[in-house]
Amino acid sequence: MTETRSYKVLWTHTAQQDLTEIIDYIAQDSVDDALAILHKLETKAALLVTLPNRGRVVPELLHTGVSQYRELISAPWRIVYRVENRQVLIMAVLDSRRDLQTVLLNRLAR
């Protein structure tokens, strides 16, 4: 019998802020749509409990030699995370229509 190893999925403060901003923005037009997207993103991230390496390495970061960050796509959103020990740390939720490099530079400038 195979034992499934589970990981703890934790949302960083930054990722929680991203999620709040996304949901607040969408809720301006439709609360129902905002709640549906919130559920979709949380459900997608919850899949990492048993398969934390299911996401691909973030291509833009891999080109610079950074390979510890992975992402799940829940179009048009990118859930960026890294695995540490028995934890999956959700680092950011980003709009895939935006340039990742610009987003990261803006965050460093905060």
PDB file of N, CA and C in Angstrom:
ATOM      1  N   MET A   1       0.836  -1.173   0.000  1.00  0.00           N
ATOM      2  CA  MET A   1       0.000   0.000   0.000  1.00  0.00           C
ATOM      3  C   MET A   1       0.888   1.246   0.000  1.00  0.00           C
ATOM      4  N   THR A   2       0.605   2.185  -0.878  1.00  0.00           N
ATOM      5  CA  THR A   2       1.396   3.398  -0.997  1.00  0.00           C
ATOM      6  C   THR A   2       0.844   4.484  -0.087  1.00  0.00           C
ATOM      7  N   GLU A   3       1.723   5.094   0.678  1.00  0.00           N
ATOM      8  CA  GLU A   3       1.300   6.172   1.572  1.00  0.00           C
ATOM      9  C   GLU A   3       1.473   7.504   0.848  1.00  0.00           C
ATOM     10  N   THR A   4       0.433   8.328   0.873  1.00  0.00           N
ATOM     11  CA  THR A   4       0.504   9.649   0.268  1.00  0.00           C
ATOM     12  C   THR A   4       1.092  10.616   1.282  1.00  0.00           C
ATOM     13  N   ARG A   5       2.162  11.263   0.879  1.00  0.00           N
ATOM     14  CA  ARG A   5       2.789  12.248   1.752  1.00  0.00           C
ATOM     15  C   ARG A   5       2.115  13.589   1.507  1.00  0.00           C
ATOM     16  N   SER A   6       1.753  14.251   2.571  1.00  0.00           N
ATOM     17  CA  SER A   6       1.097  15.534   2.372  1.00  0.00           C
ATOM     18  C   SER A   6       1.984  16.680   2.852  1.00  0.00           C
ATOM     19  N   TYR A   7       1.784  17.791   2.203  1.00  0.00           N
ATOM     20  CA  TYR A   7       2.510  19.024   2.493  1.00  0.00           C
ATOM     21  C   TYR A   7       1.519  20.045   3.035  1.00  0.00           C
ATOM     22  N   LYS A   8       2.034  20.986   3.776  1.00  0.00           N
ATOM     23  CA  LYS A   8       1.196  22.064   4.282  1.00  0.00           C
ATOM     24  C   LYS A   8       1.311  23.229   3.301  1.00  0.00           C
ATOM     25  N   VAL A   9       0.183  23.718   2.809  1.00  0.00           N
ATOM     26  CA  VAL A   9       0.167  24.844   1.881  1.00  0.00           C
ATOM     27  C   VAL A   9      -0.079  26.120   2.685  1.00  0.00           C
ATOM     28  N   LEU A  10       0.878  27.036   2.600  1.00  0.00           N
ATOM     29  CA  LEU A  10       0.794  28.301   3.330  1.00  0.00           C
ATOM     30  C   LEU A  10       0.835  29.471   2.356  1.00  0.00           C
ATOM     31  N   TRP A  11      -0.010  30.457   2.573  1.00  0.00           N
ATOM     32  CA  TRP A  11      -0.041  31.657   1.747  1.00  0.00           C
ATOM     33  C   TRP A  11       0.772  32.745   2.437  1.00  0.00           C
ATOM     34  N   THR A  12       1.751  33.306   1.733  1.00  0.00           N
ATOM     35  CA  THR A  12       2.521  34.416   2.297  1.00  0.00           C
ATOM     36  C   THR A  12       1.628  35.652   2.349  1.00  0.00           C
ATOM     37  N   HIS A  13       2.061  36.628   3.118  1.00  0.00           N
ATOM     38  CA  HIS A  13       1.310  37.881   3.216  1.00  0.00           C
ATOM     39  C   HIS A  13       1.150  38.513   1.824  1.00  0.00           C
ATOM     40  N   THR A  14       2.209  38.490   1.042  1.00  0.00           N
ATOM     41  CA  THR A  14       2.172  39.076  -0.301  1.00  0.00           C
ATOM     42  C   THR A  14       1.144  38.360  -1.180  1.00  0.00           C
ATOM     43  N   ALA A  15       1.119  37.042  -1.138  1.00  0.00           N
ATOM     44  CA  ALA A  15       0.159  36.277  -1.937  1.00  0.00           C
ATOM     45  C   ALA A  15      -1.274  36.552  -1.477  1.00  0.00           C
ATOM     46  N   GLN A  16      -1.463  36.692  -0.170  1.00  0.00           N
ATOM     47  CA  GLN A  16      -2.788  37.020   0.352  1.00  0.00           C
ATOM     48  C   GLN A  16      -3.229  38.396  -0.144  1.00  0.00           C
ATOM     49  N   GLN A  17      -2.290  39.342  -0.173  1.00  0.00           N
ATOM     50  CA  GLN A  17      -2.595  40.681  -0.697  1.00  0.00           C
ATOM     51  C   GLN A  17      -2.972  40.605  -2.178  1.00  0.00           C
ATOM     52  N   ASP A  18      -2.207  39.829  -2.936  1.00  0.00           N
ATOM     53  CA  ASP A  18      -2.516  39.657  -4.361  1.00  0.00           C
ATOM     54  C   ASP A  18      -3.941  39.158  -4.535  1.00  0.00           C
ATOM     55  N   LEU A  19      -4.275  38.125  -3.795  1.00  0.00           N
ATOM     56  CA  LEU A  19      -5.604  37.520  -3.890  1.00  0.00           C
ATOM     57  C   LEU A  19      -6.690  38.528  -3.527  1.00  0.00           C
ATOM     58  N   THR A  20      -6.471  39.272  -2.466  1.00  0.00           N
ATOM     59  CA  THR A  20      -7.445  40.284  -2.037  1.00  0.00           C
ATOM     60  C   THR A  20      -7.635  41.346  -3.120  1.00  0.00           C
ATOM     61  N   GLU A  21      -6.534  41.812  -3.697  1.00  0.00           N
ATOM     62  CA  GLU A  21      -6.625  42.839  -4.738  1.00  0.00           C
ATOM     63  C   GLU A  21      -7.371  42.318  -5.963  1.00  0.00           C
ATOM     64  N   ILE A  22      -7.086  41.092  -6.359  1.00  0.00           N
ATOM     65  CA  ILE A  22      -7.765  40.490  -7.515  1.00  0.00           C
ATOM     66  C   ILE A  22      -9.261  40.386  -7.254  1.00  0.00           C
ATOM     67  N   ILE A  23      -9.613  39.842  -6.106  1.00  0.00           N
ATOM     68  CA  ILE A  23     -11.023  39.613  -5.777  1.00  0.00           C
ATOM     69  C   ILE A  23     -11.768  40.938  -5.609  1.00  0.00           C
ATOM     70  N   ASP A  24     -11.151  41.907  -4.944  1.00  0.00           N
ATOM     71  CA  ASP A  24     -11.775  43.226  -4.776  1.00  0.00           C
ATOM     72  C   ASP A  24     -12.039  43.886  -6.130  1.00  0.00           C
ATOM     73  N   TYR A  25     -11.076  43.778  -7.025  1.00  0.00           N
ATOM     74  CA  TYR A  25     -11.213  44.383  -8.351  1.00  0.00           C
ATOM     75  C   TYR A  25     -12.365  43.740  -9.123  1.00  0.00           C
ATOM     76  N   ILE A  26     -12.412  42.420  -9.131  1.00  0.00           N
ATOM     77  CA  ILE A  26     -13.465  41.710  -9.864  1.00  0.00           C
ATOM     78  C   ILE A  26     -14.830  41.949  -9.226  1.00  0.00           C
ATOM     79  N   ALA A  27     -14.857  42.061  -7.905  1.00  0.00           N
ATOM     80  CA  ALA A  27     -16.118  42.268  -7.178  1.00  0.00           C
ATOM     81  C   ALA A  27     -16.772  43.608  -7.514  1.00  0.00           C
ATOM     82  N   GLN A  28     -15.989  44.549  -8.011  1.00  0.00           N
ATOM     83  CA  GLN A  28     -16.567  45.838  -8.420  1.00  0.00           C
ATOM     84  C   GLN A  28     -17.593  45.635  -9.530  1.00  0.00           C
ATOM     85  N   ASP A  29     -17.376  44.615 -10.362  1.00  0.00           N
ATOM     86  CA  ASP A  29     -18.312  44.304 -11.442  1.00  0.00           C
ATOM     87  C   ASP A  29     -19.281  43.194 -11.065  1.00  0.00           C
ATOM     88  N   SER A  30     -18.765  42.174 -10.341  1.00  0.00           N
ATOM     89  CA  SER A  30     -19.612  41.028 -10.006  1.00  0.00           C
ATOM     90  C   SER A  30     -19.069  40.293  -8.783  1.00  0.00           C
ATOM     91  N   VAL A  31     -19.819  40.343  -7.713  1.00  0.00           N
ATOM     92  CA  VAL A  31     -19.427  39.626  -6.497  1.00  0.00           C
ATOM     93  C   VAL A  31     -19.434  38.121  -6.751  1.00  0.00           C
ATOM     94  N   ASP A  32     -20.409  37.639  -7.509  1.00  0.00           N
ATOM     95  CA  ASP A  32     -20.476  36.210  -7.809  1.00  0.00           C
ATOM     96  C   ASP A  32     -19.249  35.744  -8.578  1.00  0.00           C
ATOM     97  N   ASP A  33     -18.825  36.528  -9.575  1.00  0.00           N
ATOM     98  CA  ASP A  33     -17.619  36.175 -10.337  1.00  0.00           C
ATOM     99  C   ASP A  33     -16.392  36.193  -9.432  1.00  0.00           C
ATOM    100  N   ALA A  34     -16.317  37.190  -8.563  1.00  0.00           N
ATOM    101  CA  ALA A  34     -15.172  37.301  -7.648  1.00  0.00           C
ATOM    102  C   ALA A  34     -15.091  36.084  -6.737  1.00  0.00           C
ATOM    103  N   LEU A  35     -16.221  35.669  -6.193  1.00  0.00           N
ATOM    104  CA  LEU A  35     -16.241  34.496  -5.313  1.00  0.00           C
ATOM    105  C   LEU A  35     -15.897  33.217  -6.072  1.00  0.00           C
ATOM    106  N   ALA A  36     -16.353  33.116  -7.311  1.00  0.00           N
ATOM    107  CA  ALA A  36     -16.044  31.940  -8.128  1.00  0.00           C
ATOM    108  C   ALA A  36     -14.544  31.869  -8.420  1.00  0.00           C
ATOM    109  N   ILE A  37     -13.928  33.006  -8.711  1.00  0.00           N
ATOM    110  CA  ILE A  37     -12.488  33.034  -8.986  1.00  0.00           C
ATOM    111  C   ILE A  37     -11.699  32.741  -7.718  1.00  0.00           C
ATOM    112  N   LEU A  38     -12.136  33.284  -6.597  1.00  0.00           N
ATOM    113  CA  LEU A  38     -11.485  32.988  -5.321  1.00  0.00           C
ATOM    114  C   LEU A  38     -11.500  31.481  -5.074  1.00  0.00           C
ATOM    115  N   HIS A  39     -12.643  30.862  -5.248  1.00  0.00           N
ATOM    116  CA  HIS A  39     -12.774  29.417  -5.040  1.00  0.00           C
ATOM    117  C   HIS A  39     -11.861  28.649  -6.003  1.00  0.00           C
ATOM    118  N   LYS A  40     -11.834  29.067  -7.258  1.00  0.00           N
ATOM    119  CA  LYS A  40     -11.013  28.414  -8.278  1.00  0.00           C
ATOM    120  C   LYS A  40      -9.530  28.479  -7.902  1.00  0.00           C
ATOM    121  N   LEU A  41      -9.050  29.649  -7.477  1.00  0.00           N
ATOM    122  CA  LEU A  41      -7.636  29.811  -7.132  1.00  0.00           C
ATOM    123  C   LEU A  41      -7.270  29.042  -5.867  1.00  0.00           C
ATOM    124  N   GLU A  42      -8.137  29.100  -4.863  1.00  0.00           N
ATOM    125  CA  GLU A  42      -7.864  28.368  -3.621  1.00  0.00           C
ATOM    126  C   GLU A  42      -7.876  26.857  -3.852  1.00  0.00           C
ATOM    127  N   THR A  43      -8.789  26.385  -4.688  1.00  0.00           N
ATOM    128  CA  THR A  43      -8.874  24.961  -4.999  1.00  0.00           C
ATOM    129  C   THR A  43      -7.633  24.498  -5.751  1.00  0.00           C
ATOM    130  N   LYS A  44      -7.188  25.308  -6.700  1.00  0.00           N
ATOM    131  CA  LYS A  44      -5.992  24.975  -7.478  1.00  0.00           C
ATOM    132  C   LYS A  44      -4.779  24.889  -6.552  1.00  0.00           C
ATOM    133  N   ALA A  45      -4.615  25.859  -5.664  1.00  0.00           N
ATOM    134  CA  ALA A  45      -3.479  25.855  -4.731  1.00  0.00           C
ATOM    135  C   ALA A  45      -3.549  24.664  -3.783  1.00  0.00           C
ATOM    136  N   ALA A  46      -4.747  24.268  -3.401  1.00  0.00           N
ATOM    137  CA  ALA A  46      -4.916  23.140  -2.474  1.00  0.00           C
ATOM    138  C   ALA A  46      -4.424  21.827  -3.078  1.00  0.00           C
ATOM    139  N   LEU A  47      -4.366  21.730  -4.400  1.00  0.00           N
ATOM    140  CA  LEU A  47      -3.858  20.524  -5.052  1.00  0.00           C
ATOM    141  C   LEU A  47      -2.397  20.263  -4.702  1.00  0.00           C
ATOM    142  N   LEU A  48      -1.703  21.294  -4.280  1.00  0.00           N
ATOM    143  CA  LEU A  48      -0.283  21.167  -3.948  1.00  0.00           C
ATOM    144  C   LEU A  48      -0.041  20.393  -2.654  1.00  0.00           C
ATOM    145  N   VAL A  49      -1.088  20.125  -1.909  1.00  0.00           N
ATOM    146  CA  VAL A  49      -0.967  19.374  -0.657  1.00  0.00           C
ATOM    147  C   VAL A  49      -0.333  18.006  -0.903  1.00  0.00           C
ATOM    148  N   THR A  50      -0.720  17.367  -1.983  1.00  0.00           N
ATOM    149  CA  THR A  50      -0.192  16.027  -2.254  1.00  0.00           C
ATOM    150  C   THR A  50       0.810  15.972  -3.400  1.00  0.00           C
ATOM    151  N   LEU A  51       0.783  16.943  -4.298  1.00  0.00           N
ATOM    152  CA  LEU A  51       1.704  16.939  -5.437  1.00  0.00           C
ATOM    153  C   LEU A  51       2.359  18.310  -5.601  1.00  0.00           C
ATOM    154  N   PRO A  52       3.265  18.649  -4.709  1.00  0.00           N
ATOM    155  CA  PRO A  52       3.820  20.002  -4.718  1.00  0.00           C
ATOM    156  C   PRO A  52       4.675  20.347  -5.931  1.00  0.00           C
ATOM    157  N   ASN A  53       5.184  19.342  -6.621  1.00  0.00           N
ATOM    158  CA  ASN A  53       6.020  19.635  -7.789  1.00  0.00           C
ATOM    159  C   ASN A  53       5.250  19.534  -9.099  1.00  0.00           C
ATOM    160  N   ARG A  54       3.928  19.561  -9.014  1.00  0.00           N
ATOM    161  CA  ARG A  54       3.112  19.431 -10.217  1.00  0.00           C
ATOM    162  C   ARG A  54       3.240  20.634 -11.130  1.00  0.00           C
ATOM    163  N   GLY A  55       3.524  21.803 -10.593  1.00  0.00           N
ATOM    164  CA  GLY A  55       3.641  23.005 -11.422  1.00  0.00           C
ATOM    165  C   GLY A  55       4.974  23.069 -12.138  1.00  0.00           C
ATOM    166  N   ARG A  56       5.008  23.856 -13.178  1.00  0.00           N
ATOM    167  CA  ARG A  56       6.260  24.021 -13.923  1.00  0.00           C
ATOM    168  C   ARG A  56       7.147  25.057 -13.235  1.00  0.00           C
ATOM    169  N   VAL A  57       8.443  24.979 -13.502  1.00  0.00           N
ATOM    170  CA  VAL A  57       9.362  26.010 -13.025  1.00  0.00           C
ATOM    171  C   VAL A  57       9.011  27.286 -13.785  1.00  0.00           C
ATOM    172  N   VAL A  58       9.006  28.429 -13.092  1.00  0.00           N
ATOM    173  CA  VAL A  58       8.638  29.704 -13.711  1.00  0.00           C
ATOM    174  C   VAL A  58       9.662  30.014 -14.816  1.00  0.00           C
ATOM    175  N   PRO A  59       9.226  30.024 -16.092  1.00  0.00           N
ATOM    176  CA  PRO A  59      10.160  30.157 -17.204  1.00  0.00           C
ATOM    177  C   PRO A  59      11.006  31.437 -17.167  1.00  0.00           C
ATOM    178  N   GLU A  60      10.387  32.557 -16.817  1.00  0.00           N
ATOM    179  CA  GLU A  60      11.127  33.826 -16.787  1.00  0.00           C
ATOM    180  C   GLU A  60      12.245  33.809 -15.754  1.00  0.00           C
ATOM    181  N   LEU A  61      12.036  33.084 -14.666  1.00  0.00           N
ATOM    182  CA  LEU A  61      13.057  32.999 -13.626  1.00  0.00           C
ATOM    183  C   LEU A  61      14.108  31.947 -13.980  1.00  0.00           C
ATOM    184  N   LEU A  62      13.679  30.882 -14.619  1.00  0.00           N
ATOM    185  CA  LEU A  62      14.609  29.826 -15.014  1.00  0.00           C
ATOM    186  C   LEU A  62      15.688  30.375 -15.950  1.00  0.00           C
ATOM    187  N   HIS A  63      15.304  31.307 -16.813  1.00  0.00           N
ATOM    188  CA  HIS A  63      16.264  31.918 -17.746  1.00  0.00           C
ATOM    189  C   HIS A  63      17.361  32.674 -17.015  1.00  0.00           C
ATOM    190  N   THR A  64      17.105  33.081 -15.773  1.00  0.00           N
ATOM    191  CA  THR A  64      18.122  33.801 -14.991  1.00  0.00           C
ATOM    192  C   THR A  64      18.819  32.867 -14.002  1.00  0.00           C
ATOM    193  N   GLY A  65      18.528  31.570 -14.097  1.00  0.00           N
ATOM    194  CA  GLY A  65      19.173  30.599 -13.226  1.00  0.00           C
ATOM    195  C   GLY A  65      18.439  30.329 -11.925  1.00  0.00           C
ATOM    196  N   VAL A  66      17.268  30.910 -11.746  1.00  0.00           N
ATOM    197  CA  VAL A  66      16.472  30.699 -10.531  1.00  0.00           C
ATOM    198  C   VAL A  66      15.461  29.589 -10.817  1.00  0.00           C
ATOM    199  N   SER A  67      15.625  28.463 -10.117  1.00  0.00           N
ATOM    200  CA  SER A  67      14.763  27.312 -10.429  1.00  0.00           C
ATOM    201  C   SER A  67      13.919  26.822  -9.256  1.00  0.00           C
ATOM    202  N   GLN A  68      13.968  27.509  -8.107  1.00  0.00           N
ATOM    203  CA  GLN A  68      13.218  27.008  -6.954  1.00  0.00           C
ATOM    204  C   GLN A  68      11.746  27.445  -6.946  1.00  0.00           C
ATOM    205  N   TYR A  69      11.370  28.316  -7.877  1.00  0.00           N
ATOM    206  CA  TYR A  69       9.979  28.775  -7.917  1.00  0.00           C
ATOM    207  C   TYR A  69       9.225  28.057  -9.034  1.00  0.00           C
ATOM    208  N   ARG A  70       8.041  27.593  -8.679  1.00  0.00           N
ATOM    209  CA  ARG A  70       7.186  26.883  -9.619  1.00  0.00           C
ATOM    210  C   ARG A  70       5.883  27.655  -9.741  1.00  0.00           C
ATOM    211  N   GLU A  71       5.065  27.269 -10.699  1.00  0.00           N
ATOM    212  CA  GLU A  71       3.779  27.938 -10.852  1.00  0.00           C
ATOM    213  C   GLU A  71       2.719  26.973 -11.347  1.00  0.00           C
ATOM    214  N   LEU A  72       1.509  27.260 -10.922  1.00  0.00           N
ATOM    215  CA  LEU A  72       0.320  26.608 -11.448  1.00  0.00           C
ATOM    216  C   LEU A  72      -0.435  27.679 -12.223  1.00  0.00           C
ATOM    217  N   ILE A  73      -0.991  27.284 -13.344  1.00  0.00           N
ATOM    218  CA  ILE A  73      -1.769  28.218 -14.149  1.00  0.00           C
ATOM    219  C   ILE A  73      -3.247  27.934 -13.916  1.00  0.00           C
ATOM    220  N   SER A  74      -3.966  28.986 -13.597  1.00  0.00           N
ATOM    221  CA  SER A  74      -5.417  28.947 -13.516  1.00  0.00           C
ATOM    222  C   SER A  74      -5.860  30.190 -14.289  1.00  0.00           C
ATOM    223  N   ALA A  75      -5.867  30.034 -15.608  1.00  0.00           N
ATOM    224  CA  ALA A  75      -5.986  31.165 -16.530  1.00  0.00           C
ATOM    225  C   ALA A  75      -7.048  32.168 -16.103  1.00  0.00           C
ATOM    226  N   PRO A  76      -6.691  33.454 -16.116  1.00  0.00           N
ATOM    227  CA  PRO A  76      -5.417  34.031 -16.558  1.00  0.00           C
ATOM    228  C   PRO A  76      -4.415  34.218 -15.411  1.00  0.00           C
ATOM    229  N   TRP A  77      -4.599  33.522 -14.319  1.00  0.00           N
ATOM    230  CA  TRP A  77      -3.756  33.738 -13.138  1.00  0.00           C
ATOM    231  C   TRP A  77      -2.614  32.740 -13.065  1.00  0.00           C
ATOM    232  N   ARG A  78      -1.527  33.190 -12.467  1.00  0.00           N
ATOM    233  CA  ARG A  78      -0.356  32.346 -12.208  1.00  0.00           C
ATOM    234  C   ARG A  78      -0.160  32.307 -10.696  1.00  0.00           C
ATOM    235  N   ILE A  79      -0.180  31.117 -10.134  1.00  0.00           N
ATOM    236  CA  ILE A  79       0.054  30.937  -8.699  1.00  0.00           C
ATOM    237  C   ILE A  79       1.516  30.521  -8.554  1.00  0.00           C
ATOM    238  N   VAL A  80       2.334  31.430  -8.044  1.00  0.00           N
ATOM    239  CA  VAL A  80       3.777  31.198  -7.931  1.00  0.00           C
ATOM    240  C   VAL A  80       4.075  30.715  -6.514  1.00  0.00           C
ATOM    241  N   TYR A  81       4.860  29.636  -6.415  1.00  0.00           N
ATOM    242  CA  TYR A  81       5.142  29.040  -5.109  1.00  0.00           C
ATOM    243  C   TYR A  81       6.518  28.403  -5.088  1.00  0.00           C
ATOM    244  N   ARG A  82       6.952  28.048  -3.881  1.00  0.00           N
ATOM    245  CA  ARG A  82       8.177  27.256  -3.737  1.00  0.00           C
ATOM    246  C   ARG A  82       7.937  26.226  -2.645  1.00  0.00           C
ATOM    247  N   VAL A  83       8.662  25.134  -2.751  1.00  0.00           N
ATOM    248  CA  VAL A  83       8.529  24.030  -1.798  1.00  0.00           C
ATOM    249  C   VAL A  83       9.730  24.076  -0.865  1.00  0.00           C
ATOM    250  N   GLU A  84       9.455  24.080   0.435  1.00  0.00           N
ATOM    251  CA  GLU A  84      10.501  24.047   1.462  1.00  0.00           C
ATOM    252  C   GLU A  84      10.134  22.983   2.479  1.00  0.00           C
ATOM    253  N   ASN A  85      11.006  21.988   2.593  1.00  0.00           N
ATOM    254  CA  ASN A  85      10.752  20.886   3.525  1.00  0.00           C
ATOM    255  C   ASN A  85       9.383  20.288   3.244  1.00  0.00           C
ATOM    256  N   ARG A  86       8.491  20.323   4.197  1.00  0.00           N
ATOM    257  CA  ARG A  86       7.146  19.750   4.038  1.00  0.00           C
ATOM    258  C   ARG A  86       6.099  20.839   3.846  1.00  0.00           C
ATOM    259  N   GLN A  87       6.553  22.003   3.356  1.00  0.00           N
ATOM    260  CA  GLN A  87       5.632  23.124   3.173  1.00  0.00           C
ATOM    261  C   GLN A  87       5.688  23.629   1.734  1.00  0.00           C
ATOM    262  N   VAL A  88       4.536  24.076   1.269  1.00  0.00           N
ATOM    263  CA  VAL A  88       4.442  24.765  -0.011  1.00  0.00           C
ATOM    264  C   VAL A  88       4.086  26.207   0.332  1.00  0.00           C
ATOM    265  N   LEU A  89       4.959  27.133  -0.044  1.00  0.00           N
ATOM    266  CA  LEU A  89       4.732  28.551   0.238  1.00  0.00           C
ATOM    267  C   LEU A  89       4.226  29.232  -1.024  1.00  0.00           C
ATOM    268  N   ILE A  90       2.975  29.675  -0.987  1.00  0.00           N
ATOM    269  CA  ILE A  90       2.423  30.427  -2.108  1.00  0.00           C
ATOM    270  C   ILE A  90       3.002  31.836  -1.988  1.00  0.00           C
ATOM    271  N   MET A  91       3.776  32.235  -2.999  1.00  0.00           N
ATOM    272  CA  MET A  91       4.503  33.501  -2.953  1.00  0.00           C
ATOM    273  C   MET A  91       3.745  34.645  -3.605  1.00  0.00           C
ATOM    274  N   ALA A  92       2.958  34.338  -4.637  1.00  0.00           N
ATOM    275  CA  ALA A  92       2.270  35.394  -5.382  1.00  0.00           C
ATOM    276  C   ALA A  92       1.161  34.801  -6.239  1.00  0.00           C
ATOM    277  N   VAL A  93       0.184  35.633  -6.540  1.00  0.00           N
ATOM    278  CA  VAL A  93      -0.843  35.304  -7.524  1.00  0.00           C
ATOM    279  C   VAL A  93      -0.816  36.460  -8.514  1.00  0.00           C
ATOM    280  N   LEU A  94      -0.443  36.149  -9.748  1.00  0.00           N
ATOM    281  CA  LEU A  94      -0.194  37.184 -10.743  1.00  0.00           C
ATOM    282  C   LEU A  94      -1.074  37.007 -11.970  1.00  0.00           C
ATOM    283  N   ASP A  95      -1.374  38.111 -12.601  1.00  0.00           N
ATOM    284  CA  ASP A  95      -2.120  38.095 -13.851  1.00  0.00           C
ATOM    285  C   ASP A  95      -1.145  37.714 -14.968  1.00  0.00           C
ATOM    286  N   SER A  96      -1.413  36.637 -15.672  1.00  0.00           N
ATOM    287  CA  SER A  96      -0.487  36.159 -16.702  1.00  0.00           C
ATOM    288  C   SER A  96      -0.406  37.099 -17.895  1.00  0.00           C
ATOM    289  N   ARG A  97      -1.310  38.057 -17.984  1.00  0.00           N
ATOM    290  CA  ARG A  97      -1.275  39.010 -19.089  1.00  0.00           C
ATOM    291  C   ARG A  97      -0.269  40.130 -18.833  1.00  0.00           C
ATOM    292  N   ARG A  98       0.261  40.176 -17.621  1.00  0.00           N
ATOM    293  CA  ARG A  98       1.260  41.191 -17.285  1.00  0.00           C
ATOM    294  C   ARG A  98       2.656  40.594 -17.399  1.00  0.00           C
ATOM    295  N   ASP A  99       3.629  41.457 -17.646  1.00  0.00           N
ATOM    296  CA  ASP A  99       5.021  41.040 -17.748  1.00  0.00           C
ATOM    297  C   ASP A  99       5.555  40.748 -16.351  1.00  0.00           C
ATOM    298  N   LEU A 100       5.993  39.527 -16.124  1.00  0.00           N
ATOM    299  CA  LEU A 100       6.450  39.117 -14.795  1.00  0.00           C
ATOM    300  C   LEU A 100       7.629  39.960 -14.316  1.00  0.00           C
ATOM    301  N   GLN A 101       8.531  40.266 -15.203  1.00  0.00           N
ATOM    302  CA  GLN A 101       9.703  41.050 -14.822  1.00  0.00           C
ATOM    303  C   GLN A 101       9.281  42.427 -14.291  1.00  0.00           C
ATOM    304  N   THR A 102       8.332  43.071 -14.937  1.00  0.00           N
ATOM    305  CA  THR A 102       7.840  44.376 -14.497  1.00  0.00           C
ATOM    306  C   THR A 102       7.173  44.274 -13.133  1.00  0.00           C
ATOM    307  N   VAL A 103       6.375  43.230 -12.950  1.00  0.00           N
ATOM    308  CA  VAL A 103       5.693  43.018 -11.671  1.00  0.00           C
ATOM    309  C   VAL A 103       6.719  42.859 -10.544  1.00  0.00           C
ATOM    310  N   LEU A 104       7.733  42.039 -10.785  1.00  0.00           N
ATOM    311  CA  LEU A 104       8.745  41.788  -9.744  1.00  0.00           C
ATOM    312  C   LEU A 104       9.550  43.056  -9.452  1.00  0.00           C
ATOM    313  N   LEU A 105       9.880  43.822 -10.477  1.00  0.00           N
ATOM    314  CA  LEU A 105      10.610  45.080 -10.252  1.00  0.00           C
ATOM    315  C   LEU A 105       9.773  46.066  -9.443  1.00  0.00           C
ATOM    316  N   ASN A 106       8.473  46.137  -9.723  1.00  0.00           N
ATOM    317  CA  ASN A 106       7.591  47.011  -8.948  1.00  0.00           C
ATOM    318  C   ASN A 106       7.531  46.589  -7.493  1.00  0.00           C
ATOM    319  N   ARG A 107       7.549  45.286  -7.253  1.00  0.00           N
ATOM    320  CA  ARG A 107       7.510  44.788  -5.865  1.00  0.00           C
ATOM    321  C   ARG A 107       8.798  45.112  -5.125  1.00  0.00           C
ATOM    322  N   LEU A 108       9.907  45.031  -5.813  1.00  0.00           N
ATOM    323  CA  LEU A 108      11.185  45.358  -5.164  1.00  0.00           C
ATOM    324  C   LEU A 108      11.279  46.847  -4.859  1.00  0.00           C
ATOM    325  N   ALA A 109      10.577  47.650  -5.646  1.00  0.00           N
ATOM    326  CA  ALA A 109      10.619  49.104  -5.454  1.00  0.00           C
ATOM    327  C   ALA A 109       9.713  49.568  -4.315  1.00  0.00           C
ATOM    328  N   ARG A 110       8.835  48.699  -3.823  1.00  0.00           N
ATOM    329  CA  ARG A 110       7.891  49.085  -2.742  1.00  0.00           C
ATOM    330  C   ARG A 110       8.621  49.409  -1.463  1.00  0.00           C
TER     331      ARG A 110
END
